[in-house]
Amino acid sequence: MDQKNETSTDFILLGLFPGFRHPHLLILTVLLIYSTALTGNSLLILLIWLDSHLHTPMYFLLSQLSLIDLVYISSTVPKTVTNYFTGEKSISYFACAAQLFFFLTVGIAENVLLTLMAYDRYVAICNPLRYTVLMSPMVCLQMAAAAWIGGALAALVHTIYLMHFPVCGSREIKHYFCEMPAIMRLSCVDTSAYEMVKFVTTIIFLLVPFILILASYTLIFLTVVRMNSHTGRKKALATCSSHLTVVSLYFGQAIFIYMAPNSYHTPEQEQIGAVLGTMVTPMLNPIIYSLRNKEVVGAVSKGIRKFCKGARGTYLHCSSQQKCCPQISVTS
């Protein structure tokens, strides 16, 4: 690789699984995942915004989750794909810091948001009479703002702290983006103090939310079991099962990567965890929430029927009124 144009502060991203034998197949899979995540999350946000029946706290929080997933996957994949097709592996110091900041911001915000979504389901099922008070539109906006602002502030502290570590040897990052453990491996100074800071932050923004989510769903399960209505029990379990699926996927990989010291996992394991968190989960979230949710499926069906009805009406109008289509005159 030609590195003449690189400055001393540039980093080298070795890419996604550099030892993989079929890189073309790998990058096509990444593009497929990215396209699916981009389309699915964008459509879900648009659907929630357009359908008045989905203007509820649960779907507002879900739209925020889709927005987070869009930022999450877009903060890493475009750079990875661009580097692959251009052959350039370098990333500037400031671009690396920006990538790390956005990655941490949406990662922490997602932890908080998933906890708030569990709280929303807890109030709706276990305390329904106070739901409109506890989950008012203003409260929902404050929750979303707290998730984003809290994530941004914590990410800013970690980004400034981490990017000030000196790099004495190779500037090759054994990853496809600037992730915290991969950057820490480049430092030639003792990072044990920062390891402790990272551990405390992980407890606050990862372990505590995970425990709160488990507690919420334990109480929900106990309430659902006592329900007399079979329909109500089935609906409650269907709604919560989709959320638990997302939580299991996301928190599983995050706890493995960030709770344990860097020496406990290899760069390859970190990449697998990152792929699950930054690519697979954003792709699956809209699929899980749409296929497992009758209200979302109903809104999609309603939208398709409206579109088909409008298209049919336009076609019939154009058939009876020849002026709908532009007239083309041919002169010799």
C-alpha atoms as a PDB file:
ATOM      1  CA  MET A   1       0.000   0.000   0.000  1.00  0.00           C
ATOM      2  CA  ASP A   2       1.285   3.478  -0.857  1.00  0.00           C
ATOM      3  CA  GLN A   3       1.571   5.506   2.315  1.00  0.00           C
ATOM      4  CA  LYS A   4       3.375   8.561   0.907  1.00  0.00           C
ATOM      5  CA  ASN A   5       0.370  10.808   1.368  1.00  0.00           C
ATOM      6  CA  GLU A   6      -0.213   9.800   4.972  1.00  0.00           C
ATOM      7  CA  THR A   7       0.755  12.068   7.844  1.00  0.00           C
ATOM      8  CA  SER A   8       2.294  10.923  11.104  1.00  0.00           C
ATOM      9  CA  THR A   9      -1.090  11.224  12.826  1.00  0.00           C
ATOM     10  CA  ASP A  10      -2.984   9.014  10.375  1.00  0.00           C
ATOM     11  CA  PHE A  11      -4.125   5.576  11.425  1.00  0.00           C
ATOM     12  CA  ILE A  12      -4.299   2.480   9.234  1.00  0.00           C
ATOM     13  CA  LEU A  13      -7.532   0.460   9.325  1.00  0.00           C
ATOM     14  CA  LEU A  14      -6.733  -3.140   8.433  1.00  0.00           C
ATOM     15  CA  GLY A  15     -10.380  -3.758   7.540  1.00  0.00           C
ATOM     16  CA  LEU A  16     -13.026  -6.340   8.297  1.00  0.00           C
ATOM     17  CA  PHE A  17     -11.476  -9.794   8.842  1.00  0.00           C
ATOM     18  CA  PRO A  18      -8.347  -9.075   6.751  1.00  0.00           C
ATOM     19  CA  GLY A  19      -7.424 -12.778   6.657  1.00  0.00           C
ATOM     20  CA  PHE A  20     -10.742 -13.825   5.115  1.00  0.00           C
ATOM     21  CA  ARG A  21     -10.213 -15.727   1.841  1.00  0.00           C
ATOM     22  CA  HIS A  22     -13.168 -14.231  -0.046  1.00  0.00           C
ATOM     23  CA  PRO A  23     -13.144 -10.461   0.604  1.00  0.00           C
ATOM     24  CA  HIS A  24     -15.472  -9.754  -2.354  1.00  0.00           C
ATOM     25  CA  LEU A  25     -18.159 -11.987  -0.843  1.00  0.00           C
ATOM     26  CA  LEU A  26     -17.639 -10.357   2.550  1.00  0.00           C
ATOM     27  CA  ILE A  27     -18.021  -6.801   1.247  1.00  0.00           C
ATOM     28  CA  LEU A  28     -21.127  -7.757  -0.764  1.00  0.00           C
ATOM     29  CA  THR A  29     -22.646  -9.211   2.420  1.00  0.00           C
ATOM     30  CA  VAL A  30     -21.834  -5.990   4.275  1.00  0.00           C
ATOM     31  CA  LEU A  31     -23.466  -3.925   1.506  1.00  0.00           C
ATOM     32  CA  LEU A  32     -26.571  -6.129   1.634  1.00  0.00           C
ATOM     33  CA  ILE A  33     -26.800  -5.761   5.417  1.00  0.00           C
ATOM     34  CA  TYR A  34     -26.306  -1.992   5.179  1.00  0.00           C
ATOM     35  CA  SER A  35     -28.945  -1.600   2.442  1.00  0.00           C
ATOM     36  CA  THR A  36     -31.427  -3.694   4.421  1.00  0.00           C
ATOM     37  CA  ALA A  37     -30.795  -1.751   7.646  1.00  0.00           C
ATOM     38  CA  LEU A  38     -30.972   1.606   5.876  1.00  0.00           C
ATOM     39  CA  THR A  39     -34.222   0.747   4.093  1.00  0.00           C
ATOM     40  CA  GLY A  40     -35.892  -0.966   7.033  1.00  0.00           C
ATOM     41  CA  ASN A  41     -35.132   1.682   9.651  1.00  0.00           C
ATOM     42  CA  SER A  42     -35.957   4.573   7.303  1.00  0.00           C
ATOM     43  CA  LEU A  43     -39.305   3.017   6.389  1.00  0.00           C
ATOM     44  CA  LEU A  44     -40.117   2.337  10.040  1.00  0.00           C
ATOM     45  CA  ILE A  45     -39.397   5.963  10.993  1.00  0.00           C
ATOM     46  CA  LEU A  46     -41.501   7.186   8.050  1.00  0.00           C
ATOM     47  CA  LEU A  47     -44.348   4.807   8.887  1.00  0.00           C
ATOM     48  CA  ILE A  48     -44.445   5.886  12.551  1.00  0.00           C
ATOM     49  CA  TRP A  49     -44.381   9.537  11.514  1.00  0.00           C
ATOM     50  CA  LEU A  50     -47.176   9.216   8.929  1.00  0.00           C
ATOM     51  CA  ASP A  51     -49.610   6.844  10.685  1.00  0.00           C
ATOM     52  CA  SER A  52     -51.509   8.597  13.477  1.00  0.00           C
ATOM     53  CA  HIS A  53     -52.334   5.243  15.113  1.00  0.00           C
ATOM     54  CA  LEU A  54     -48.622   4.831  15.852  1.00  0.00           C
ATOM     55  CA  HIS A  55     -48.273   8.203  17.602  1.00  0.00           C
ATOM     56  CA  THR A  56     -47.844   6.562  20.995  1.00  0.00           C
ATOM     57  CA  PRO A  57     -44.934   6.561  23.480  1.00  0.00           C
ATOM     58  CA  MET A  58     -43.860   3.037  22.525  1.00  0.00           C
ATOM     59  CA  TYR A  59     -43.587   3.849  18.832  1.00  0.00           C
ATOM     60  CA  PHE A  60     -41.959   7.212  19.485  1.00  0.00           C
ATOM     61  CA  LEU A  61     -39.206   5.408  21.391  1.00  0.00           C
ATOM     62  CA  LEU A  62     -39.060   2.819  18.617  1.00  0.00           C
ATOM     63  CA  SER A  63     -38.533   5.583  16.049  1.00  0.00           C
ATOM     64  CA  GLN A  64     -35.643   6.869  18.176  1.00  0.00           C
ATOM     65  CA  LEU A  65     -34.183   3.355  18.223  1.00  0.00           C
ATOM     66  CA  SER A  66     -34.381   3.232  14.424  1.00  0.00           C
ATOM     67  CA  LEU A  67     -32.687   6.632  14.205  1.00  0.00           C
ATOM     68  CA  ILE A  68     -29.914   5.402  16.500  1.00  0.00           C
ATOM     69  CA  ASP A  69     -29.481   2.295  14.359  1.00  0.00           C
ATOM     70  CA  LEU A  70     -29.167   4.443  11.228  1.00  0.00           C
ATOM     71  CA  VAL A  71     -26.401   6.522  12.819  1.00  0.00           C
ATOM     72  CA  TYR A  72     -24.826   3.397  14.330  1.00  0.00           C
ATOM     73  CA  ILE A  73     -24.387   1.509  11.067  1.00  0.00           C
ATOM     74  CA  SER A  74     -23.643   4.644   9.008  1.00  0.00           C
ATOM     75  CA  SER A  75     -20.778   5.635  11.314  1.00  0.00           C
ATOM     76  CA  THR A  76     -18.765   2.545  10.332  1.00  0.00           C
ATOM     77  CA  VAL A  77     -19.927   0.800   7.143  1.00  0.00           C
ATOM     78  CA  PRO A  78     -19.533   3.610   4.531  1.00  0.00           C
ATOM     79  CA  LYS A  79     -15.881   4.148   5.506  1.00  0.00           C
ATOM     80  CA  THR A  80     -15.243   0.385   5.454  1.00  0.00           C
ATOM     81  CA  VAL A  81     -16.766  -0.011   1.989  1.00  0.00           C
ATOM     82  CA  THR A  82     -15.010   3.097   0.642  1.00  0.00           C
ATOM     83  CA  ASN A  83     -11.630   1.857   1.875  1.00  0.00           C
ATOM     84  CA  TYR A  84     -12.219  -1.512   0.236  1.00  0.00           C
ATOM     85  CA  PHE A  85     -13.100  -0.146  -3.211  1.00  0.00           C
ATOM     86  CA  THR A  86     -10.467   2.622  -3.235  1.00  0.00           C
ATOM     87  CA  GLY A  87      -7.690   0.554  -1.699  1.00  0.00           C
ATOM     88  CA  GLU A  88      -6.978   3.318   0.804  1.00  0.00           C
ATOM     89  CA  LYS A  89      -6.750   2.122   4.398  1.00  0.00           C
ATOM     90  CA  SER A  90      -5.721   5.332   6.118  1.00  0.00           C
ATOM     91  CA  ILE A  91      -7.984   7.397   8.342  1.00  0.00           C
ATOM     92  CA  SER A  92      -6.979  10.783   9.729  1.00  0.00           C
ATOM     93  CA  TYR A  93      -6.660  11.461  13.442  1.00  0.00           C
ATOM     94  CA  PHE A  94      -9.741  13.710  13.489  1.00  0.00           C
ATOM     95  CA  ALA A  95     -11.818  11.333  11.342  1.00  0.00           C
ATOM     96  CA  CYS A  96     -10.918   8.497  13.713  1.00  0.00           C
ATOM     97  CA  ALA A  97     -11.883  10.629  16.724  1.00  0.00           C
ATOM     98  CA  ALA A  98     -15.183  11.595  15.055  1.00  0.00           C
ATOM     99  CA  GLN A  99     -15.956   7.971  14.238  1.00  0.00           C
ATOM    100  CA  LEU A 100     -15.223   6.930  17.805  1.00  0.00           C
ATOM    101  CA  PHE A 101     -17.357   9.761  19.192  1.00  0.00           C
ATOM    102  CA  PHE A 102     -20.439   8.959  17.075  1.00  0.00           C
ATOM    103  CA  PHE A 103     -20.056   5.233  17.685  1.00  0.00           C
ATOM    104  CA  LEU A 104     -19.910   5.690  21.466  1.00  0.00           C
ATOM    105  CA  THR A 105     -22.699   8.292  21.462  1.00  0.00           C
ATOM    106  CA  VAL A 106     -25.245   6.063  19.747  1.00  0.00           C
ATOM    107  CA  GLY A 107     -24.027   2.982  21.615  1.00  0.00           C
ATOM    108  CA  ILE A 108     -24.593   4.561  25.026  1.00  0.00           C
ATOM    109  CA  ALA A 109     -27.829   6.217  23.856  1.00  0.00           C
ATOM    110  CA  GLU A 110     -29.120   2.828  22.706  1.00  0.00           C
ATOM    111  CA  ASN A 111     -28.421   1.299  26.126  1.00  0.00           C
ATOM    112  CA  VAL A 112     -30.443   4.053  27.800  1.00  0.00           C
ATOM    113  CA  LEU A 113     -33.212   3.918  25.202  1.00  0.00           C
ATOM    114  CA  LEU A 114     -33.673   0.154  25.494  1.00  0.00           C
ATOM    115  CA  THR A 115     -34.043   0.650  29.252  1.00  0.00           C
ATOM    116  CA  LEU A 116     -36.675   3.352  28.693  1.00  0.00           C
ATOM    117  CA  MET A 117     -38.540   1.062  26.290  1.00  0.00           C
ATOM    118  CA  ALA A 118     -38.602  -1.625  28.990  1.00  0.00           C
ATOM    119  CA  TYR A 119     -39.919   0.955  31.461  1.00  0.00           C
ATOM    120  CA  ASP A 120     -42.609   1.944  28.944  1.00  0.00           C
ATOM    121  CA  ARG A 121     -43.796  -1.668  28.669  1.00  0.00           C
ATOM    122  CA  TYR A 122     -43.663  -2.049  32.468  1.00  0.00           C
ATOM    123  CA  VAL A 123     -45.922   0.977  33.005  1.00  0.00           C
ATOM    124  CA  ALA A 124     -48.289  -0.048  30.187  1.00  0.00           C
ATOM    125  CA  ILE A 125     -48.784  -3.578  31.540  1.00  0.00           C
ATOM    126  CA  CYS A 126     -48.242  -3.285  35.285  1.00  0.00           C
ATOM    127  CA  ASN A 127     -49.619   0.215  35.901  1.00  0.00           C
ATOM    128  CA  PRO A 128     -51.955   0.993  32.970  1.00  0.00           C
ATOM    129  CA  LEU A 129     -54.129   3.511  34.830  1.00  0.00           C
ATOM    130  CA  ARG A 130     -51.193   5.904  35.238  1.00  0.00           C
ATOM    131  CA  TYR A 131     -49.720   5.294  31.789  1.00  0.00           C
ATOM    132  CA  THR A 132     -50.914   8.561  30.227  1.00  0.00           C
ATOM    133  CA  VAL A 133     -49.380  10.511  33.119  1.00  0.00           C
ATOM    134  CA  LEU A 134     -46.086   8.647  33.463  1.00  0.00           C
ATOM    135  CA  MET A 135     -45.559   8.404  29.691  1.00  0.00           C
ATOM    136  CA  SER A 136     -46.902  11.752  28.489  1.00  0.00           C
ATOM    137  CA  PRO A 137     -45.516  13.268  25.254  1.00  0.00           C
ATOM    138  CA  MET A 138     -43.364  15.695  27.242  1.00  0.00           C
ATOM    139  CA  VAL A 139     -41.927  12.852  29.332  1.00  0.00           C
ATOM    140  CA  CYS A 140     -41.132  10.892  26.159  1.00  0.00           C
ATOM    141  CA  LEU A 141     -39.306  13.871  24.667  1.00  0.00           C
ATOM    142  CA  GLN A 142     -37.333  14.318  27.876  1.00  0.00           C
ATOM    143  CA  MET A 143     -36.431  10.619  27.872  1.00  0.00           C
ATOM    144  CA  ALA A 144     -35.184  10.752  24.291  1.00  0.00           C
ATOM    145  CA  ALA A 145     -33.229  13.948  24.959  1.00  0.00           C
ATOM    146  CA  ALA A 146     -31.646  12.416  28.067  1.00  0.00           C
ATOM    147  CA  ALA A 147     -30.540   9.352  26.078  1.00  0.00           C
ATOM    148  CA  TRP A 148     -28.930  11.427  23.307  1.00  0.00           C
ATOM    149  CA  ILE A 149     -27.353  14.081  25.554  1.00  0.00           C
ATOM    150  CA  GLY A 150     -26.103  11.542  28.097  1.00  0.00           C
ATOM    151  CA  GLY A 151     -24.590   9.446  25.330  1.00  0.00           C
ATOM    152  CA  ALA A 152     -22.911  12.459  23.722  1.00  0.00           C
ATOM    153  CA  LEU A 153     -21.390  13.734  26.984  1.00  0.00           C
ATOM    154  CA  ALA A 154     -20.046  10.316  28.004  1.00  0.00           C
ATOM    155  CA  ALA A 155     -18.716   9.711  24.480  1.00  0.00           C
ATOM    156  CA  LEU A 156     -16.981  13.103  24.455  1.00  0.00           C
ATOM    157  CA  VAL A 157     -15.132  12.340  27.691  1.00  0.00           C
ATOM    158  CA  HIS A 158     -13.997   8.918  26.448  1.00  0.00           C
ATOM    159  CA  THR A 159     -12.994  10.228  23.022  1.00  0.00           C
ATOM    160  CA  ILE A 160     -10.833  13.040  24.443  1.00  0.00           C
ATOM    161  CA  TYR A 161      -9.274  10.715  27.042  1.00  0.00           C
ATOM    162  CA  LEU A 162      -8.586   7.871  24.595  1.00  0.00           C
ATOM    163  CA  MET A 163      -7.289   9.932  21.667  1.00  0.00           C
ATOM    164  CA  HIS A 164      -4.658  11.606  23.882  1.00  0.00           C
ATOM    165  CA  PHE A 165      -2.819   8.332  24.514  1.00  0.00           C
ATOM    166  CA  PRO A 166       0.565   8.391  22.720  1.00  0.00           C
ATOM    167  CA  VAL A 167       1.228   5.843  19.968  1.00  0.00           C
ATOM    168  CA  CYS A 168       4.882   4.879  19.785  1.00  0.00           C
ATOM    169  CA  GLY A 169       4.910   1.972  17.341  1.00  0.00           C
ATOM    170  CA  SER A 170       2.669   0.859  14.521  1.00  0.00           C
ATOM    171  CA  ARG A 171      -0.473   2.902  13.854  1.00  0.00           C
ATOM    172  CA  GLU A 172      -2.300  -0.086  12.365  1.00  0.00           C
ATOM    173  CA  ILE A 173      -5.733  -0.603  13.912  1.00  0.00           C
ATOM    174  CA  LYS A 174      -6.723  -4.259  13.756  1.00  0.00           C
ATOM    175  CA  HIS A 175     -10.329  -3.405  13.068  1.00  0.00           C
ATOM    176  CA  TYR A 176     -12.597  -2.012  10.360  1.00  0.00           C
ATOM    177  CA  PHE A 177     -13.271   1.190  12.325  1.00  0.00           C
ATOM    178  CA  CYS A 178     -11.859   3.143  15.258  1.00  0.00           C
ATOM    179  CA  GLU A 179     -13.210   1.200  18.210  1.00  0.00           C
ATOM    180  CA  MET A 180     -12.139   1.711  21.799  1.00  0.00           C
ATOM    181  CA  PRO A 181     -10.328  -1.620  22.532  1.00  0.00           C
ATOM    182  CA  ALA A 182      -8.523  -1.567  19.159  1.00  0.00           C
ATOM    183  CA  ILE A 183      -7.186   1.972  19.744  1.00  0.00           C
ATOM    184  CA  MET A 184      -6.121   1.156  23.305  1.00  0.00           C
ATOM    185  CA  ARG A 185      -3.884  -1.615  21.962  1.00  0.00           C
ATOM    186  CA  LEU A 186      -1.804   0.967  20.074  1.00  0.00           C
ATOM    187  CA  SER A 187      -0.840   2.906  23.188  1.00  0.00           C
ATOM    188  CA  CYS A 188       2.687   2.533  24.538  1.00  0.00           C
ATOM    189  CA  VAL A 189       1.818   3.793  28.028  1.00  0.00           C
ATOM    190  CA  ASP A 190       0.048   2.164  30.934  1.00  0.00           C
ATOM    191  CA  THR A 191      -3.718   2.271  30.344  1.00  0.00           C
ATOM    192  CA  SER A 192      -4.771   0.577  33.584  1.00  0.00           C
ATOM    193  CA  ALA A 193      -6.274   3.807  34.943  1.00  0.00           C
ATOM    194  CA  TYR A 194      -8.356   4.243  31.817  1.00  0.00           C
ATOM    195  CA  GLU A 195      -9.328   0.564  31.992  1.00  0.00           C
ATOM    196  CA  MET A 196     -10.843   1.333  35.384  1.00  0.00           C
ATOM    197  CA  VAL A 197     -12.664   4.385  33.987  1.00  0.00           C
ATOM    198  CA  LYS A 198     -13.991   2.240  31.144  1.00  0.00           C
ATOM    199  CA  PHE A 199     -15.087  -0.459  33.604  1.00  0.00           C
ATOM    200  CA  VAL A 200     -17.005   2.025  35.781  1.00  0.00           C
ATOM    201  CA  THR A 201     -18.631   3.596  32.726  1.00  0.00           C
ATOM    202  CA  THR A 202     -19.597   0.159  31.461  1.00  0.00           C
ATOM    203  CA  ILE A 203     -21.261  -0.646  34.783  1.00  0.00           C
ATOM    204  CA  ILE A 204     -23.255   2.609  34.668  1.00  0.00           C
ATOM    205  CA  PHE A 205     -24.297   2.550  31.013  1.00  0.00           C
ATOM    206  CA  LEU A 206     -24.344  -1.175  30.268  1.00  0.00           C
ATOM    207  CA  LEU A 207     -24.718  -3.412  33.302  1.00  0.00           C
ATOM    208  CA  VAL A 208     -27.167  -1.197  35.230  1.00  0.00           C
ATOM    209  CA  PRO A 209     -29.495  -0.780  32.194  1.00  0.00           C
ATOM    210  CA  PHE A 210     -29.333  -4.530  31.570  1.00  0.00           C
ATOM    211  CA  ILE A 211     -30.308  -5.271  35.198  1.00  0.00           C
ATOM    212  CA  LEU A 212     -33.155  -2.709  35.046  1.00  0.00           C
ATOM    213  CA  ILE A 213     -34.432  -4.288  31.816  1.00  0.00           C
ATOM    214  CA  LEU A 214     -34.369  -7.770  33.359  1.00  0.00           C
ATOM    215  CA  ALA A 215     -36.167  -6.457  36.466  1.00  0.00           C
ATOM    216  CA  SER A 216     -38.817  -4.737  34.320  1.00  0.00           C
ATOM    217  CA  TYR A 217     -39.531  -7.851  32.306  1.00  0.00           C
ATOM    218  CA  THR A 218     -39.581 -10.045  35.391  1.00  0.00           C
ATOM    219  CA  LEU A 219     -42.345  -7.849  36.833  1.00  0.00           C
ATOM    220  CA  ILE A 220     -44.108  -7.804  33.456  1.00  0.00           C
ATOM    221  CA  PHE A 221     -43.981 -11.593  33.248  1.00  0.00           C
ATOM    222  CA  LEU A 222     -45.426 -11.970  36.754  1.00  0.00           C
ATOM    223  CA  THR A 223     -48.245  -9.559  35.858  1.00  0.00           C
ATOM    224  CA  VAL A 224     -48.971 -11.285  32.535  1.00  0.00           C
ATOM    225  CA  VAL A 225     -49.173 -14.691  34.202  1.00  0.00           C
ATOM    226  CA  ARG A 226     -51.954 -13.394  36.471  1.00  0.00           C
ATOM    227  CA  MET A 227     -53.982 -11.977  33.566  1.00  0.00           C
ATOM    228  CA  ASN A 228     -57.422 -13.521  33.055  1.00  0.00           C
ATOM    229  CA  SER A 229     -57.658 -12.458  29.428  1.00  0.00           C
ATOM    230  CA  HIS A 230     -55.939 -14.874  27.052  1.00  0.00           C
ATOM    231  CA  THR A 231     -55.929 -12.213  24.296  1.00  0.00           C
ATOM    232  CA  GLY A 232     -54.362  -9.614  26.573  1.00  0.00           C
ATOM    233  CA  ARG A 233     -51.747 -12.103  27.754  1.00  0.00           C
ATOM    234  CA  LYS A 234     -50.869 -13.053  24.188  1.00  0.00           C
ATOM    235  CA  LYS A 235     -50.602  -9.426  23.033  1.00  0.00           C
ATOM    236  CA  ALA A 236     -48.405  -8.467  25.993  1.00  0.00           C
ATOM    237  CA  LEU A 237     -46.059 -11.387  25.434  1.00  0.00           C
ATOM    238  CA  ALA A 238     -45.839 -10.692  21.680  1.00  0.00           C
ATOM    239  CA  THR A 239     -44.930  -7.049  22.253  1.00  0.00           C
ATOM    240  CA  CYS A 240     -42.341  -7.799  24.923  1.00  0.00           C
ATOM    241  CA  SER A 241     -40.763 -10.789  23.164  1.00  0.00           C
ATOM    242  CA  SER A 242     -39.613  -8.580  20.272  1.00  0.00           C
ATOM    243  CA  HIS A 243     -37.971  -6.180  22.711  1.00  0.00           C
ATOM    244  CA  LEU A 244     -36.275  -9.028  24.577  1.00  0.00           C
ATOM    245  CA  THR A 245     -34.899 -10.394  21.297  1.00  0.00           C
ATOM    246  CA  VAL A 246     -33.234  -7.045  20.559  1.00  0.00           C
ATOM    247  CA  VAL A 247     -31.913  -6.761  24.125  1.00  0.00           C
ATOM    248  CA  SER A 248     -30.414 -10.269  24.013  1.00  0.00           C
ATOM    249  CA  LEU A 249     -28.624  -9.588  20.721  1.00  0.00           C
ATOM    250  CA  TYR A 250     -27.285  -6.186  21.694  1.00  0.00           C
ATOM    251  CA  PHE A 251     -26.319  -6.566  25.341  1.00  0.00           C
ATOM    252  CA  GLY A 252     -24.812 -10.028  24.835  1.00  0.00           C
ATOM    253  CA  GLN A 253     -22.030  -8.822  22.555  1.00  0.00           C
ATOM    254  CA  ALA A 254     -21.580  -5.506  24.377  1.00  0.00           C
ATOM    255  CA  ILE A 255     -21.023  -7.113  27.784  1.00  0.00           C
ATOM    256  CA  PHE A 256     -18.491  -9.560  26.302  1.00  0.00           C
ATOM    257  CA  ILE A 257     -16.453  -6.814  24.596  1.00  0.00           C
ATOM    258  CA  TYR A 258     -16.600  -3.978  27.124  1.00  0.00           C
ATOM    259  CA  MET A 259     -16.951  -5.613  30.535  1.00  0.00           C
ATOM    260  CA  ALA A 260     -13.838  -7.770  30.183  1.00  0.00           C
ATOM    261  CA  PRO A 261     -10.286  -6.356  29.937  1.00  0.00           C
ATOM    262  CA  ASN A 262      -8.712  -6.198  26.471  1.00  0.00           C
ATOM    263  CA  SER A 263      -6.452  -9.155  27.241  1.00  0.00           C
ATOM    264  CA  TYR A 264      -9.499 -11.424  27.610  1.00  0.00           C
ATOM    265  CA  HIS A 265     -10.518 -11.235  23.934  1.00  0.00           C
ATOM    266  CA  THR A 266      -8.727 -11.192  20.598  1.00  0.00           C
ATOM    267  CA  PRO A 267      -9.102  -8.605  17.805  1.00  0.00           C
ATOM    268  CA  GLU A 268     -11.050 -11.187  15.802  1.00  0.00           C
ATOM    269  CA  GLN A 269     -13.523 -11.679  18.653  1.00  0.00           C
ATOM    270  CA  GLU A 270     -13.871  -7.899  18.950  1.00  0.00           C
ATOM    271  CA  GLN A 271     -14.700  -7.685  15.252  1.00  0.00           C
ATOM    272  CA  ILE A 272     -17.327 -10.414  15.560  1.00  0.00           C
ATOM    273  CA  GLY A 273     -18.911  -8.562  18.476  1.00  0.00           C
ATOM    274  CA  ALA A 274     -18.779  -5.278  16.566  1.00  0.00           C
ATOM    275  CA  VAL A 275     -20.425  -6.837  13.506  1.00  0.00           C
ATOM    276  CA  LEU A 276     -23.243  -8.191  15.684  1.00  0.00           C
ATOM    277  CA  GLY A 277     -23.729  -4.830  17.404  1.00  0.00           C
ATOM    278  CA  THR A 278     -23.195  -2.345  14.570  1.00  0.00           C
ATOM    279  CA  MET A 279     -24.473  -4.298  11.543  1.00  0.00           C
ATOM    280  CA  VAL A 280     -26.627  -7.310  12.394  1.00  0.00           C
ATOM    281  CA  THR A 281     -28.667  -5.694  15.184  1.00  0.00           C
ATOM    282  CA  PRO A 282     -29.541  -2.519  13.194  1.00  0.00           C
ATOM    283  CA  MET A 283     -30.591  -4.754  10.301  1.00  0.00           C
ATOM    284  CA  LEU A 284     -32.752  -7.054  12.447  1.00  0.00           C
ATOM    285  CA  ASN A 285     -34.428  -4.416  14.628  1.00  0.00           C
ATOM    286  CA  PRO A 286     -36.991  -3.160  12.046  1.00  0.00           C
ATOM    287  CA  ILE A 287     -37.623  -6.741  10.888  1.00  0.00           C
ATOM    288  CA  ILE A 288     -38.225  -7.993  14.424  1.00  0.00           C
ATOM    289  CA  TYR A 289     -40.468  -5.085  15.415  1.00  0.00           C
ATOM    290  CA  SER A 290     -42.490  -5.173  12.190  1.00  0.00           C
ATOM    291  CA  LEU A 291     -43.002  -8.921  11.839  1.00  0.00           C
ATOM    292  CA  ARG A 292     -43.778  -9.451  15.532  1.00  0.00           C
ATOM    293  CA  ASN A 293     -46.083  -6.447  15.858  1.00  0.00           C
ATOM    294  CA  LYS A 294     -49.623  -6.507  14.484  1.00  0.00           C
ATOM    295  CA  GLU A 295     -50.003  -2.716  14.676  1.00  0.00           C
ATOM    296  CA  VAL A 296     -46.941  -2.148  12.501  1.00  0.00           C
ATOM    297  CA  VAL A 297     -48.023  -4.867  10.055  1.00  0.00           C
ATOM    298  CA  GLY A 298     -51.484  -3.305   9.959  1.00  0.00           C
ATOM    299  CA  ALA A 299     -50.032   0.136   9.266  1.00  0.00           C
ATOM    300  CA  VAL A 300     -47.926  -1.291   6.435  1.00  0.00           C
ATOM    301  CA  SER A 301     -50.965  -3.034   4.929  1.00  0.00           C
ATOM    302  CA  LYS A 302     -52.979   0.153   5.240  1.00  0.00           C
ATOM    303  CA  GLY A 303     -50.260   2.143   3.499  1.00  0.00           C
ATOM    304  CA  ILE A 304     -50.003  -0.395   0.677  1.00  0.00           C
ATOM    305  CA  ARG A 305     -53.786  -0.359   0.176  1.00  0.00           C
ATOM    306  CA  LYS A 306     -53.792   3.449   0.033  1.00  0.00           C
ATOM    307  CA  PHE A 307     -50.975   3.430  -2.496  1.00  0.00           C
ATOM    308  CA  CYS A 308     -52.655   0.808  -4.664  1.00  0.00           C
ATOM    309  CA  LYS A 309     -55.985   2.605  -4.471  1.00  0.00           C
ATOM    310  CA  GLY A 310     -54.359   5.906  -5.425  1.00  0.00           C
ATOM    311  CA  ALA A 311     -52.429   4.285  -8.268  1.00  0.00           C
ATOM    312  CA  ARG A 312     -55.596   2.575  -9.561  1.00  0.00           C
ATOM    313  CA  GLY A 313     -57.530   5.849  -9.381  1.00  0.00           C
ATOM    314  CA  THR A 314     -54.800   7.645 -11.309  1.00  0.00           C
ATOM    315  CA  TYR A 315     -54.771   4.907 -13.931  1.00  0.00           C
ATOM    316  CA  LEU A 316     -58.559   5.034 -14.403  1.00  0.00           C
ATOM    317  CA  HIS A 317     -58.472   8.833 -14.585  1.00  0.00           C
ATOM    318  CA  CYS A 318     -55.709   8.710 -17.163  1.00  0.00           C
ATOM    319  CA  SER A 319     -57.639   6.133 -19.175  1.00  0.00           C
ATOM    320  CA  SER A 320     -60.736   8.354 -19.333  1.00  0.00           C
ATOM    321  CA  GLN A 321     -58.862  11.657 -19.617  1.00  0.00           C
ATOM    322  CA  GLN A 322     -56.149  11.382 -22.215  1.00  0.00           C
ATOM    323  CA  LYS A 323     -54.577  14.588 -20.889  1.00  0.00           C
ATOM    324  CA  CYS A 324     -52.946  12.789 -17.935  1.00  0.00           C
ATOM    325  CA  CYS A 325     -50.035  11.642 -20.054  1.00  0.00           C
ATOM    326  CA  PRO A 326     -47.968  14.130 -22.036  1.00  0.00           C
ATOM    327  CA  GLN A 327     -48.676  14.224 -25.742  1.00  0.00           C
ATOM    328  CA  ILE A 328     -45.628  13.813 -27.952  1.00  0.00           C
ATOM    329  CA  SER A 329     -45.832  15.202 -31.467  1.00  0.00           C
ATOM    330  CA  VAL A 330     -43.435  14.062 -34.151  1.00  0.00           C
ATOM    331  CA  THR A 331     -42.585  16.468 -36.931  1.00  0.00           C
ATOM    332  CA  SER A 332     -40.626  15.583 -39.993  1.00  0.00           C
END
